[in-house]
Amino acid sequence: MNNVICVHWGTKYPIKFVNILYSMCKRNISGKFNFYCLTDETNNAFAEHVKPIRIPDPQFDGWWNKMHLYDKRLEIEGNILYMDLDVVVVNNLDDFFTQYRDEDFLCIRDFGQPTTTINSSVLRYNLKHHSFIYDDYMKNKSLYDPMHGDQNVITDMMLRHEKTQILPDDWTYSFKWPER
Protein backbone atom coordinates (compact mmCIF):
# COMPACT_ATOMS: atom_id res chain seq x y z
CA MET A 1 0.00 0.00 0.00
CA ASN A 2 1.22 3.49 -0.79
CA ASN A 3 1.25 6.00 2.03
CA VAL A 4 1.40 9.77 2.34
CA ILE A 5 2.32 11.47 5.59
CA CYS A 6 2.62 15.01 6.88
CA VAL A 7 3.47 16.53 10.25
CA HIS A 8 1.20 18.92 12.12
CA TRP A 9 2.80 20.23 15.28
CA GLY A 10 2.11 23.47 17.13
CA THR A 11 0.17 26.41 15.75
CA LYS A 12 2.11 27.56 12.65
CA TYR A 13 -0.46 25.96 10.34
CA PRO A 14 -4.16 25.36 11.06
CA ILE A 15 -5.48 21.80 10.65
CA LYS A 16 -7.17 22.83 7.41
CA PHE A 17 -3.71 22.65 5.76
CA VAL A 18 -3.63 18.91 6.54
CA ASN A 19 -7.07 18.46 5.01
CA ILE A 20 -6.13 20.50 1.93
CA LEU A 21 -2.97 18.40 1.43
CA TYR A 22 -5.10 15.24 1.68
CA SER A 23 -7.51 16.62 -0.95
CA MET A 24 -4.64 17.44 -3.32
CA CYS A 25 -3.25 13.91 -2.90
CA LYS A 26 -6.66 12.34 -3.47
CA ARG A 27 -6.92 14.19 -6.78
CA ASN A 28 -3.36 13.30 -7.83
CA ILE A 29 -2.80 9.66 -6.79
CA SER A 30 -4.43 7.08 -9.06
CA GLY A 31 -4.74 4.11 -6.71
CA LYS A 32 -5.64 3.60 -3.10
CA PHE A 33 -3.38 5.13 -0.48
CA ASN A 34 -3.29 5.81 3.24
CA PHE A 35 -2.93 9.39 4.41
CA TYR A 36 -1.36 9.89 7.83
CA CYS A 37 -0.72 12.97 9.90
CA LEU A 38 1.93 12.78 12.60
CA THR A 39 0.53 15.24 15.13
CA ASP A 40 0.32 16.61 18.65
CA GLU A 41 -3.32 17.57 18.01
CA THR A 42 -5.79 16.15 20.50
CA ASN A 43 -9.10 17.12 18.90
CA ASN A 44 -10.02 15.32 15.72
CA ALA A 45 -10.70 18.08 13.20
CA PHE A 46 -9.08 16.12 10.40
CA ALA A 47 -10.87 15.08 7.23
CA GLU A 48 -12.51 11.66 7.34
CA HIS A 49 -9.70 9.77 5.55
CA VAL A 50 -6.81 11.42 7.41
CA LYS A 51 -5.37 8.98 9.94
CA PRO A 52 -3.80 10.91 12.83
CA ILE A 53 -0.80 9.36 14.55
CA ARG A 54 0.18 10.83 17.90
CA ILE A 55 3.81 11.96 17.90
CA PRO A 56 5.62 9.31 19.97
CA ASP A 57 7.55 10.18 23.09
CA PRO A 58 9.79 11.93 23.36
CA GLN A 59 8.23 14.86 21.53
CA PHE A 60 10.68 17.43 20.25
CA ASP A 61 10.41 21.13 19.54
CA GLY A 62 9.26 22.36 16.14
CA TRP A 63 10.66 20.77 13.01
CA TRP A 64 12.65 18.27 15.06
CA ASN A 65 9.42 16.25 15.32
CA LYS A 66 9.99 15.40 11.63
CA MET A 67 12.67 12.98 12.86
CA HIS A 68 9.81 10.77 14.10
CA LEU A 69 8.91 10.15 10.44
CA TYR A 70 11.61 7.45 10.46
CA ASP A 71 10.56 5.88 13.77
CA LYS A 72 9.66 2.21 13.24
CA ARG A 73 7.09 2.56 16.05
CA LEU A 74 4.85 4.23 13.43
CA GLU A 75 4.36 0.75 11.96
CA ILE A 76 3.57 2.01 8.47
CA GLU A 77 4.20 -0.66 5.84
CA GLY A 78 5.13 0.26 2.29
CA ASN A 79 6.51 3.36 0.68
CA ILE A 80 5.83 6.68 2.35
CA LEU A 81 5.67 10.03 0.57
CA TYR A 82 6.25 12.88 3.02
CA MET A 83 5.25 16.45 2.19
CA ASP A 84 5.40 19.63 4.25
CA LEU A 85 2.07 21.35 4.86
CA ASP A 86 2.96 24.28 2.59
CA VAL A 87 3.47 22.03 -0.47
CA VAL A 88 1.05 22.53 -3.34
CA VAL A 89 0.40 19.46 -5.50
CA VAL A 90 -0.32 20.32 -9.13
CA ASN A 91 0.45 17.04 -10.95
CA ASN A 92 0.03 13.31 -10.55
CA LEU A 93 2.13 11.77 -7.76
CA ASP A 94 2.13 8.15 -8.96
CA ASP A 95 5.76 8.23 -10.13
CA PHE A 96 6.91 8.84 -6.54
CA PHE A 97 5.65 5.32 -5.81
CA THR A 98 6.37 3.51 -9.09
CA GLN A 99 9.63 4.82 -10.57
CA TYR A 100 12.07 3.73 -7.86
CA ARG A 101 12.86 0.72 -5.67
CA ASP A 102 11.41 0.40 -2.16
CA GLU A 103 14.88 0.58 -0.62
CA ASP A 104 15.64 3.91 -2.31
CA PHE A 105 15.55 7.09 -0.24
CA LEU A 106 14.09 9.72 -2.56
CA CYS A 107 14.66 13.40 -2.00
CA ILE A 108 14.86 16.70 -3.78
CA ARG A 109 17.77 19.09 -3.96
CA ASP A 110 17.65 22.13 -1.77
CA PHE A 111 16.63 25.02 -3.98
CA GLY A 112 19.14 27.45 -2.43
CA GLN A 113 22.07 25.00 -2.17
CA PRO A 114 21.33 22.36 -4.82
CA THR A 115 24.68 20.54 -4.79
CA THR A 116 25.27 20.34 -1.05
CA THR A 117 21.91 20.05 0.71
CA ILE A 118 18.79 17.89 0.65
CA ASN A 119 15.46 19.70 0.90
CA SER A 120 13.31 17.83 3.42
CA SER A 121 9.96 19.22 2.27
CA VAL A 122 9.33 16.28 -0.10
CA LEU A 123 10.76 12.81 0.61
CA ARG A 124 9.88 9.23 -0.27
CA TYR A 125 11.17 6.47 1.99
CA ASN A 126 10.24 3.12 3.52
CA LEU A 127 10.49 2.34 7.24
CA LYS A 128 11.63 -1.19 6.45
CA HIS A 129 14.78 0.30 4.93
CA HIS A 130 15.15 3.72 6.55
CA SER A 131 14.28 3.47 10.26
CA PHE A 132 18.02 3.65 10.90
CA ILE A 133 17.68 7.42 10.39
CA TYR A 134 15.63 7.77 13.59
CA ASP A 135 17.81 5.27 15.46
CA ASP A 136 21.00 7.11 14.50
CA TYR A 137 19.46 10.48 15.34
CA MET A 138 18.46 9.28 18.82
CA LYS A 139 21.84 7.64 19.41
CA ASN A 140 23.71 10.81 18.39
CA LYS A 141 21.11 13.44 19.35
CA SER A 142 23.66 15.60 21.17
CA LEU A 143 25.73 15.83 17.97
CA TYR A 144 22.78 16.50 15.66
CA ASP A 145 20.76 18.96 17.75
CA PRO A 146 23.23 21.84 17.29
CA MET A 147 22.59 21.60 13.54
CA HIS A 148 20.10 24.07 12.10
CA GLY A 149 17.32 21.49 11.75
CA ASP A 150 16.06 18.17 10.46
CA GLN A 151 17.04 19.06 6.89
CA ASN A 152 20.68 19.35 7.92
CA VAL A 153 20.55 16.00 9.74
CA ILE A 154 18.98 14.30 6.70
CA THR A 155 21.63 15.89 4.47
CA ASP A 156 24.41 14.73 6.80
CA MET A 157 23.09 11.16 6.92
CA MET A 158 21.68 10.67 3.43
CA LEU A 159 23.19 12.99 0.79
CA ARG A 160 25.94 10.53 -0.12
CA HIS A 161 24.20 7.35 1.04
CA GLU A 162 24.30 4.56 -1.56
CA LYS A 163 20.48 4.23 -1.64
CA THR A 164 19.74 7.96 -1.96
CA GLN A 165 18.21 9.06 -5.24
CA ILE A 166 17.79 12.75 -6.08
CA LEU A 167 14.43 13.20 -7.79
CA PRO A 168 14.29 14.93 -11.17
CA ASP A 169 14.27 18.71 -10.81
CA ASP A 170 11.09 19.05 -12.86
CA TRP A 171 9.11 17.03 -10.28
CA THR A 172 9.20 19.91 -7.80
CA TYR A 173 9.35 23.67 -7.96
CA SER A 174 9.88 26.38 -5.38
CA PHE A 175 8.12 29.71 -5.65
CA LYS A 176 10.61 31.03 -3.09
CA TRP A 177 13.62 29.99 -5.23
CA PRO A 178 12.26 30.23 -8.79
CA GLU A 179 15.63 29.73 -10.54
CA ARG A 180 17.91 26.75 -10.11
C-alpha atoms as a PDB file:
ATOM      1  CA  MET A   1       0.000   0.000   0.000  1.00  0.00           C
ATOM      2  CA  ASN A   2       1.221   3.488  -0.788  1.00  0.00           C
ATOM      3  CA  ASN A   3       1.248   6.000   2.035  1.00  0.00           C
ATOM      4  CA  VAL A   4       1.396   9.766   2.338  1.00  0.00           C
ATOM      5  CA  ILE A   5       2.324  11.473   5.593  1.00  0.00           C
ATOM      6  CA  CYS A   6       2.616  15.010   6.878  1.00  0.00           C
ATOM      7  CA  VAL A   7       3.473  16.529  10.251  1.00  0.00           C
ATOM      8  CA  HIS A   8       1.199  18.916  12.121  1.00  0.00           C
ATOM      9  CA  TRP A   9       2.800  20.234  15.279  1.00  0.00           C
ATOM     10  CA  GLY A  10       2.110  23.468  17.132  1.00  0.00           C
ATOM     11  CA  THR A  11       0.171  26.412  15.752  1.00  0.00           C
ATOM     12  CA  LYS A  12       2.108  27.563  12.653  1.00  0.00           C
ATOM     13  CA  TYR A  13      -0.458  25.959  10.338  1.00  0.00           C
ATOM     14  CA  PRO A  14      -4.156  25.364  11.057  1.00  0.00           C
ATOM     15  CA  ILE A  15      -5.476  21.805  10.647  1.00  0.00           C
ATOM     16  CA  LYS A  16      -7.173  22.834   7.411  1.00  0.00           C
ATOM     17  CA  PHE A  17      -3.710  22.653   5.756  1.00  0.00           C
ATOM     18  CA  VAL A  18      -3.630  18.910   6.536  1.00  0.00           C
ATOM     19  CA  ASN A  19      -7.072  18.459   5.013  1.00  0.00           C
ATOM     20  CA  ILE A  20      -6.132  20.497   1.928  1.00  0.00           C
ATOM     21  CA  LEU A  21      -2.974  18.399   1.431  1.00  0.00           C
ATOM     22  CA  TYR A  22      -5.095  15.242   1.678  1.00  0.00           C
ATOM     23  CA  SER A  23      -7.514  16.617  -0.955  1.00  0.00           C
ATOM     24  CA  MET A  24      -4.645  17.441  -3.319  1.00  0.00           C
ATOM     25  CA  CYS A  25      -3.252  13.910  -2.897  1.00  0.00           C
ATOM     26  CA  LYS A  26      -6.663  12.342  -3.467  1.00  0.00           C
ATOM     27  CA  ARG A  27      -6.918  14.194  -6.782  1.00  0.00           C
ATOM     28  CA  ASN A  28      -3.363  13.296  -7.830  1.00  0.00           C
ATOM     29  CA  ILE A  29      -2.797   9.656  -6.792  1.00  0.00           C
ATOM     30  CA  SER A  30      -4.431   7.077  -9.058  1.00  0.00           C
ATOM     31  CA  GLY A  31      -4.740   4.110  -6.708  1.00  0.00           C
ATOM     32  CA  LYS A  32      -5.643   3.605  -3.097  1.00  0.00           C
ATOM     33  CA  PHE A  33      -3.375   5.133  -0.475  1.00  0.00           C
ATOM     34  CA  ASN A  34      -3.285   5.811   3.238  1.00  0.00           C
ATOM     35  CA  PHE A  35      -2.932   9.394   4.408  1.00  0.00           C
ATOM     36  CA  TYR A  36      -1.360   9.886   7.834  1.00  0.00           C
ATOM     37  CA  CYS A  37      -0.715  12.972   9.900  1.00  0.00           C
ATOM     38  CA  LEU A  38       1.933  12.785  12.605  1.00  0.00           C
ATOM     39  CA  THR A  39       0.531  15.239  15.130  1.00  0.00           C
ATOM     40  CA  ASP A  40       0.325  16.608  18.654  1.00  0.00           C
ATOM     41  CA  GLU A  41      -3.315  17.570  18.007  1.00  0.00           C
ATOM     42  CA  THR A  42      -5.789  16.153  20.502  1.00  0.00           C
ATOM     43  CA  ASN A  43      -9.105  17.122  18.903  1.00  0.00           C
ATOM     44  CA  ASN A  44     -10.021  15.324  15.716  1.00  0.00           C
ATOM     45  CA  ALA A  45     -10.704  18.077  13.202  1.00  0.00           C
ATOM     46  CA  PHE A  46      -9.081  16.115  10.397  1.00  0.00           C
ATOM     47  CA  ALA A  47     -10.872  15.076   7.229  1.00  0.00           C
ATOM     48  CA  GLU A  48     -12.508  11.656   7.337  1.00  0.00           C
ATOM     49  CA  HIS A  49      -9.703   9.771   5.550  1.00  0.00           C
ATOM     50  CA  VAL A  50      -6.812  11.422   7.412  1.00  0.00           C
ATOM     51  CA  LYS A  51      -5.374   8.978   9.939  1.00  0.00           C
ATOM     52  CA  PRO A  52      -3.805  10.907  12.831  1.00  0.00           C
ATOM     53  CA  ILE A  53      -0.796   9.355  14.551  1.00  0.00           C
ATOM     54  CA  ARG A  54       0.178  10.829  17.896  1.00  0.00           C
ATOM     55  CA  ILE A  55       3.811  11.964  17.898  1.00  0.00           C
ATOM     56  CA  PRO A  56       5.620   9.314  19.965  1.00  0.00           C
ATOM     57  CA  ASP A  57       7.545  10.178  23.085  1.00  0.00           C
ATOM     58  CA  PRO A  58       9.789  11.931  23.362  1.00  0.00           C
ATOM     59  CA  GLN A  59       8.226  14.855  21.527  1.00  0.00           C
ATOM     60  CA  PHE A  60      10.684  17.426  20.250  1.00  0.00           C
ATOM     61  CA  ASP A  61      10.409  21.131  19.539  1.00  0.00           C
ATOM     62  CA  GLY A  62       9.257  22.358  16.138  1.00  0.00           C
ATOM     63  CA  TRP A  63      10.657  20.771  13.006  1.00  0.00           C
ATOM     64  CA  TRP A  64      12.652  18.273  15.064  1.00  0.00           C
ATOM     65  CA  ASN A  65       9.423  16.247  15.322  1.00  0.00           C
ATOM     66  CA  LYS A  66       9.991  15.397  11.630  1.00  0.00           C
ATOM     67  CA  MET A  67      12.674  12.981  12.858  1.00  0.00           C
ATOM     68  CA  HIS A  68       9.808  10.771  14.099  1.00  0.00           C
ATOM     69  CA  LEU A  69       8.910  10.147  10.440  1.00  0.00           C
ATOM     70  CA  TYR A  70      11.610   7.447  10.455  1.00  0.00           C
ATOM     71  CA  ASP A  71      10.557   5.881  13.769  1.00  0.00           C
ATOM     72  CA  LYS A  72       9.664   2.210  13.244  1.00  0.00           C
ATOM     73  CA  ARG A  73       7.087   2.561  16.049  1.00  0.00           C
ATOM     74  CA  LEU A  74       4.846   4.232  13.433  1.00  0.00           C
ATOM     75  CA  GLU A  75       4.363   0.745  11.962  1.00  0.00           C
ATOM     76  CA  ILE A  76       3.571   2.008   8.473  1.00  0.00           C
ATOM     77  CA  GLU A  77       4.204  -0.656   5.841  1.00  0.00           C
ATOM     78  CA  GLY A  78       5.135   0.258   2.295  1.00  0.00           C
ATOM     79  CA  ASN A  79       6.508   3.357   0.681  1.00  0.00           C
ATOM     80  CA  ILE A  80       5.827   6.680   2.347  1.00  0.00           C
ATOM     81  CA  LEU A  81       5.669  10.026   0.575  1.00  0.00           C
ATOM     82  CA  TYR A  82       6.246  12.880   3.018  1.00  0.00           C
ATOM     83  CA  MET A  83       5.251  16.453   2.193  1.00  0.00           C
ATOM     84  CA  ASP A  84       5.401  19.630   4.246  1.00  0.00           C
ATOM     85  CA  LEU A  85       2.066  21.349   4.860  1.00  0.00           C
ATOM     86  CA  ASP A  86       2.959  24.283   2.590  1.00  0.00           C
ATOM     87  CA  VAL A  87       3.471  22.035  -0.466  1.00  0.00           C
ATOM     88  CA  VAL A  88       1.048  22.532  -3.339  1.00  0.00           C
ATOM     89  CA  VAL A  89       0.396  19.458  -5.497  1.00  0.00           C
ATOM     90  CA  VAL A  90      -0.322  20.317  -9.135  1.00  0.00           C
ATOM     91  CA  ASN A  91       0.446  17.043 -10.953  1.00  0.00           C
ATOM     92  CA  ASN A  92       0.029  13.313 -10.555  1.00  0.00           C
ATOM     93  CA  LEU A  93       2.130  11.770  -7.760  1.00  0.00           C
ATOM     94  CA  ASP A  94       2.127   8.154  -8.964  1.00  0.00           C
ATOM     95  CA  ASP A  95       5.762   8.232 -10.128  1.00  0.00           C
ATOM     96  CA  PHE A  96       6.908   8.836  -6.541  1.00  0.00           C
ATOM     97  CA  PHE A  97       5.653   5.320  -5.811  1.00  0.00           C
ATOM     98  CA  THR A  98       6.375   3.508  -9.085  1.00  0.00           C
ATOM     99  CA  GLN A  99       9.626   4.818 -10.566  1.00  0.00           C
ATOM    100  CA  TYR A 100      12.070   3.727  -7.858  1.00  0.00           C
ATOM    101  CA  ARG A 101      12.864   0.724  -5.675  1.00  0.00           C
ATOM    102  CA  ASP A 102      11.407   0.396  -2.163  1.00  0.00           C
ATOM    103  CA  GLU A 103      14.876   0.583  -0.619  1.00  0.00           C
ATOM    104  CA  ASP A 104      15.643   3.913  -2.309  1.00  0.00           C
ATOM    105  CA  PHE A 105      15.545   7.091  -0.236  1.00  0.00           C
ATOM    106  CA  LEU A 106      14.085   9.716  -2.563  1.00  0.00           C
ATOM    107  CA  CYS A 107      14.657  13.395  -1.998  1.00  0.00           C
ATOM    108  CA  ILE A 108      14.865  16.704  -3.782  1.00  0.00           C
ATOM    109  CA  ARG A 109      17.772  19.089  -3.960  1.00  0.00           C
ATOM    110  CA  ASP A 110      17.651  22.133  -1.766  1.00  0.00           C
ATOM    111  CA  PHE A 111      16.632  25.023  -3.984  1.00  0.00           C
ATOM    112  CA  GLY A 112      19.142  27.449  -2.430  1.00  0.00           C
ATOM    113  CA  GLN A 113      22.072  24.998  -2.168  1.00  0.00           C
ATOM    114  CA  PRO A 114      21.330  22.361  -4.820  1.00  0.00           C
ATOM    115  CA  THR A 115      24.677  20.540  -4.793  1.00  0.00           C
ATOM    116  CA  THR A 116      25.270  20.343  -1.048  1.00  0.00           C
ATOM    117  CA  THR A 117      21.909  20.055   0.712  1.00  0.00           C
ATOM    118  CA  ILE A 118      18.787  17.886   0.648  1.00  0.00           C
ATOM    119  CA  ASN A 119      15.464  19.698   0.903  1.00  0.00           C
ATOM    120  CA  SER A 120      13.315  17.828   3.418  1.00  0.00           C
ATOM    121  CA  SER A 121       9.957  19.223   2.267  1.00  0.00           C
ATOM    122  CA  VAL A 122       9.326  16.278  -0.098  1.00  0.00           C
ATOM    123  CA  LEU A 123      10.757  12.814   0.609  1.00  0.00           C
ATOM    124  CA  ARG A 124       9.881   9.230  -0.274  1.00  0.00           C
ATOM    125  CA  TYR A 125      11.169   6.466   1.989  1.00  0.00           C
ATOM    126  CA  ASN A 126      10.239   3.120   3.522  1.00  0.00           C
ATOM    127  CA  LEU A 127      10.495   2.337   7.245  1.00  0.00           C
ATOM    128  CA  LYS A 128      11.629  -1.194   6.446  1.00  0.00           C
ATOM    129  CA  HIS A 129      14.784   0.301   4.934  1.00  0.00           C
ATOM    130  CA  HIS A 130      15.146   3.725   6.551  1.00  0.00           C
ATOM    131  CA  SER A 131      14.276   3.475  10.257  1.00  0.00           C
ATOM    132  CA  PHE A 132      18.025   3.649  10.903  1.00  0.00           C
ATOM    133  CA  ILE A 133      17.679   7.417  10.391  1.00  0.00           C
ATOM    134  CA  TYR A 134      15.632   7.765  13.592  1.00  0.00           C
ATOM    135  CA  ASP A 135      17.807   5.273  15.465  1.00  0.00           C
ATOM    136  CA  ASP A 136      21.005   7.110  14.497  1.00  0.00           C
ATOM    137  CA  TYR A 137      19.464  10.476  15.343  1.00  0.00           C
ATOM    138  CA  MET A 138      18.465   9.283  18.819  1.00  0.00           C
ATOM    139  CA  LYS A 139      21.841   7.636  19.408  1.00  0.00           C
ATOM    140  CA  ASN A 140      23.708  10.811  18.388  1.00  0.00           C
ATOM    141  CA  LYS A 141      21.113  13.444  19.349  1.00  0.00           C
ATOM    142  CA  SER A 142      23.662  15.597  21.174  1.00  0.00           C
ATOM    143  CA  LEU A 143      25.728  15.827  17.971  1.00  0.00           C
ATOM    144  CA  TYR A 144      22.780  16.503  15.656  1.00  0.00           C
ATOM    145  CA  ASP A 145      20.761  18.959  17.747  1.00  0.00           C
ATOM    146  CA  PRO A 146      23.232  21.843  17.292  1.00  0.00           C
ATOM    147  CA  MET A 147      22.591  21.600  13.541  1.00  0.00           C
ATOM    148  CA  HIS A 148      20.104  24.066  12.102  1.00  0.00           C
ATOM    149  CA  GLY A 149      17.322  21.486  11.755  1.00  0.00           C
ATOM    150  CA  ASP A 150      16.061  18.170  10.465  1.00  0.00           C
ATOM    151  CA  GLN A 151      17.044  19.062   6.893  1.00  0.00           C
ATOM    152  CA  ASN A 152      20.683  19.355   7.924  1.00  0.00           C
ATOM    153  CA  VAL A 153      20.550  16.004   9.739  1.00  0.00           C
ATOM    154  CA  ILE A 154      18.981  14.304   6.700  1.00  0.00           C
ATOM    155  CA  THR A 155      21.629  15.895   4.475  1.00  0.00           C
ATOM    156  CA  ASP A 156      24.408  14.725   6.799  1.00  0.00           C
ATOM    157  CA  MET A 157      23.086  11.156   6.915  1.00  0.00           C
ATOM    158  CA  MET A 158      21.679  10.668   3.429  1.00  0.00           C
ATOM    159  CA  LEU A 159      23.190  12.988   0.790  1.00  0.00           C
ATOM    160  CA  ARG A 160      25.938  10.528  -0.115  1.00  0.00           C
ATOM    161  CA  HIS A 161      24.201   7.350   1.045  1.00  0.00           C
ATOM    162  CA  GLU A 162      24.298   4.555  -1.560  1.00  0.00           C
ATOM    163  CA  LYS A 163      20.484   4.231  -1.639  1.00  0.00           C
ATOM    164  CA  THR A 164      19.741   7.963  -1.961  1.00  0.00           C
ATOM    165  CA  GLN A 165      18.213   9.064  -5.240  1.00  0.00           C
ATOM    166  CA  ILE A 166      17.787  12.746  -6.083  1.00  0.00           C
ATOM    167  CA  LEU A 167      14.432  13.201  -7.793  1.00  0.00           C
ATOM    168  CA  PRO A 168      14.288  14.934 -11.173  1.00  0.00           C
ATOM    169  CA  ASP A 169      14.273  18.707 -10.806  1.00  0.00           C
ATOM    170  CA  ASP A 170      11.094  19.049 -12.858  1.00  0.00           C
ATOM    171  CA  TRP A 171       9.114  17.027 -10.281  1.00  0.00           C
ATOM    172  CA  THR A 172       9.204  19.911  -7.796  1.00  0.00           C
ATOM    173  CA  TYR A 173       9.355  23.670  -7.961  1.00  0.00           C
ATOM    174  CA  SER A 174       9.878  26.385  -5.383  1.00  0.00           C
ATOM    175  CA  PHE A 175       8.118  29.706  -5.648  1.00  0.00           C
ATOM    176  CA  LYS A 176      10.612  31.029  -3.089  1.00  0.00           C
ATOM    177  CA  TRP A 177      13.618  29.991  -5.235  1.00  0.00           C
ATOM    178  CA  PRO A 178      12.262  30.232  -8.795  1.00  0.00           C
ATOM    179  CA  GLU A 179      15.628  29.730 -10.542  1.00  0.00           C
ATOM    180  CA  ARG A 180      17.915  26.748 -10.113  1.00  0.00           C
END
